[in-house]
Amino acid sequence: METMIGQQALISIFSHIFFTGVAFFAMRAVMFEKWIRKEHVLQAQILYIFLSISIGLAVSTFFLNISVWSRQLPYLF
C-alpha cells in the first residue's frame, strides 16, 4: 500500500513538471513582447512563469484525474 502511494506521488510530481515544461515551451509561440511595457520585463517574466505553471498544473491534473477515474471504472460493474 505504501509503495503504491509513493509511486502515485512520483508519477504526480513527474506529470506536473513535464506538463509545466510543455506549457512553457508552447507559450513561446505567443508574442508577449507586444503587451509588455518598457521597464517591466522582470514582472513579465514572472507572469510568464506563473502562467506556465498554472496551465501545466491544470493539464497535468486533468490527465491524472482521467487516469484515476479509468482505474475506478471496473468497480461500476
C-alpha atoms as a PDB file:
ATOM      1  CA  MET A   1       0.000   0.000   0.000  1.00  0.00           C
ATOM      2  CA  GLU A   2       2.748   2.450   0.956  1.00  0.00           C
ATOM      3  CA  THR A   3       4.658   1.613  -2.216  1.00  0.00           C
ATOM      4  CA  MET A   4       1.567   2.408  -4.288  1.00  0.00           C
ATOM      5  CA  ILE A   5       1.182   5.790  -2.577  1.00  0.00           C
ATOM      6  CA  GLY A   6       4.851   6.544  -3.220  1.00  0.00           C
ATOM      7  CA  GLN A   7       4.521   5.560  -6.874  1.00  0.00           C
ATOM      8  CA  GLN A   8       1.450   7.764  -7.285  1.00  0.00           C
ATOM      9  CA  ALA A   9       3.319  10.686  -5.716  1.00  0.00           C
ATOM     10  CA  LEU A  10       6.271  10.173  -8.051  1.00  0.00           C
ATOM     11  CA  ILE A  11       4.002   9.989 -11.099  1.00  0.00           C
ATOM     12  CA  SER A  12       2.189  13.152  -9.989  1.00  0.00           C
ATOM     13  CA  ILE A  13       5.421  15.088  -9.488  1.00  0.00           C
ATOM     14  CA  PHE A  14       6.779  13.961 -12.850  1.00  0.00           C
ATOM     15  CA  SER A  15       3.488  14.778 -14.571  1.00  0.00           C
ATOM     16  CA  HIS A  16       3.289  18.286 -13.101  1.00  0.00           C
ATOM     17  CA  ILE A  17       6.891  19.080 -14.041  1.00  0.00           C
ATOM     18  CA  PHE A  18       6.517  17.603 -17.529  1.00  0.00           C
ATOM     19  CA  PHE A  19       3.316  19.474 -18.381  1.00  0.00           C
ATOM     20  CA  THR A  20       4.663  22.708 -16.921  1.00  0.00           C
ATOM     21  CA  GLY A  21       7.644  22.360 -19.249  1.00  0.00           C
ATOM     22  CA  VAL A  22       5.365  21.646 -22.193  1.00  0.00           C
ATOM     23  CA  ALA A  23       3.236  24.699 -21.337  1.00  0.00           C
ATOM     24  CA  PHE A  24       6.373  26.833 -21.056  1.00  0.00           C
ATOM     25  CA  PHE A  25       7.532  25.576 -24.465  1.00  0.00           C
ATOM     26  CA  ALA A  26       4.098  26.122 -26.044  1.00  0.00           C
ATOM     27  CA  MET A  27       3.769  29.649 -24.675  1.00  0.00           C
ATOM     28  CA  ARG A  28       6.913  30.647 -26.539  1.00  0.00           C
ATOM     29  CA  ALA A  29       4.753  30.747 -29.673  1.00  0.00           C
ATOM     30  CA  VAL A  30       2.814  33.720 -28.282  1.00  0.00           C
ATOM     31  CA  MET A  31       4.382  37.131 -28.799  1.00  0.00           C
ATOM     32  CA  PHE A  32       4.072  38.700 -25.358  1.00  0.00           C
ATOM     33  CA  GLU A  33       6.517  41.450 -26.290  1.00  0.00           C
ATOM     34  CA  LYS A  34       3.674  43.496 -27.756  1.00  0.00           C
ATOM     35  CA  TRP A  35       1.919  43.664 -24.394  1.00  0.00           C
ATOM     36  CA  ILE A  36       4.926  44.333 -22.168  1.00  0.00           C
ATOM     37  CA  ARG A  37       5.587  47.877 -21.067  1.00  0.00           C
ATOM     38  CA  LYS A  38       9.132  49.110 -21.069  1.00  0.00           C
ATOM     39  CA  GLU A  39      10.901  48.730 -17.718  1.00  0.00           C
ATOM     40  CA  HIS A  40       8.524  45.910 -16.685  1.00  0.00           C
ATOM     41  CA  VAL A  41      10.479  42.993 -18.112  1.00  0.00           C
ATOM     42  CA  LEU A  42      11.041  41.220 -14.781  1.00  0.00           C
ATOM     43  CA  GLN A  43       7.345  41.342 -13.935  1.00  0.00           C
ATOM     44  CA  ALA A  44       6.502  39.981 -17.394  1.00  0.00           C
ATOM     45  CA  GLN A  45       8.941  37.095 -16.931  1.00  0.00           C
ATOM     46  CA  ILE A  46       7.422  36.242 -13.561  1.00  0.00           C
ATOM     47  CA  LEU A  47       3.935  36.337 -15.091  1.00  0.00           C
ATOM     48  CA  TYR A  48       5.156  34.092 -17.928  1.00  0.00           C
ATOM     49  CA  ILE A  49       6.456  31.548 -15.411  1.00  0.00           C
ATOM     50  CA  PHE A  50       3.260  31.666 -13.332  1.00  0.00           C
ATOM     51  CA  LEU A  51       1.097  31.199 -16.427  1.00  0.00           C
ATOM     52  CA  SER A  52       3.212  28.227 -17.466  1.00  0.00           C
ATOM     53  CA  ILE A  53       2.855  26.663 -14.022  1.00  0.00           C
ATOM     54  CA  SER A  54      -0.911  27.286 -13.965  1.00  0.00           C
ATOM     55  CA  ILE A  55      -1.513  25.803 -17.407  1.00  0.00           C
ATOM     56  CA  GLY A  56       0.816  22.875 -16.731  1.00  0.00           C
ATOM     57  CA  LEU A  57      -0.858  22.134 -13.407  1.00  0.00           C
ATOM     58  CA  ALA A  58      -4.340  22.231 -14.945  1.00  0.00           C
ATOM     59  CA  VAL A  59      -3.399  19.901 -17.813  1.00  0.00           C
ATOM     60  CA  SER A  60      -1.499  17.540 -15.511  1.00  0.00           C
ATOM     61  CA  THR A  61      -4.400  17.383 -13.058  1.00  0.00           C
ATOM     62  CA  PHE A  62      -6.755  16.616 -15.930  1.00  0.00           C
ATOM     63  CA  PHE A  63      -4.648  13.671 -17.127  1.00  0.00           C
ATOM     64  CA  LEU A  64      -4.063  12.358 -13.599  1.00  0.00           C
ATOM     65  CA  ASN A  65      -7.812  12.506 -12.889  1.00  0.00           C
ATOM     66  CA  ILE A  66      -8.598  10.673 -16.123  1.00  0.00           C
ATOM     67  CA  SER A  67      -6.078   8.017 -15.100  1.00  0.00           C
ATOM     68  CA  VAL A  68      -7.609   7.577 -11.640  1.00  0.00           C
ATOM     69  CA  TRP A  69     -11.161   7.521 -12.989  1.00  0.00           C
ATOM     70  CA  SER A  70     -10.309   4.946 -15.655  1.00  0.00           C
ATOM     71  CA  ARG A  71      -8.880   2.665 -12.950  1.00  0.00           C
ATOM     72  CA  GLN A  72     -12.141   3.029 -10.994  1.00  0.00           C
ATOM     73  CA  LEU A  73     -14.391   2.047 -13.907  1.00  0.00           C
ATOM     74  CA  PRO A  74     -14.258  -1.703 -13.164  1.00  0.00           C
ATOM     75  CA  TYR A  75     -15.988  -1.022  -9.832  1.00  0.00           C
ATOM     76  CA  LEU A  76     -19.020   0.164 -11.784  1.00  0.00           C
ATOM     77  CA  PHE A  77     -19.845  -3.365 -12.941  1.00  0.00           C
END
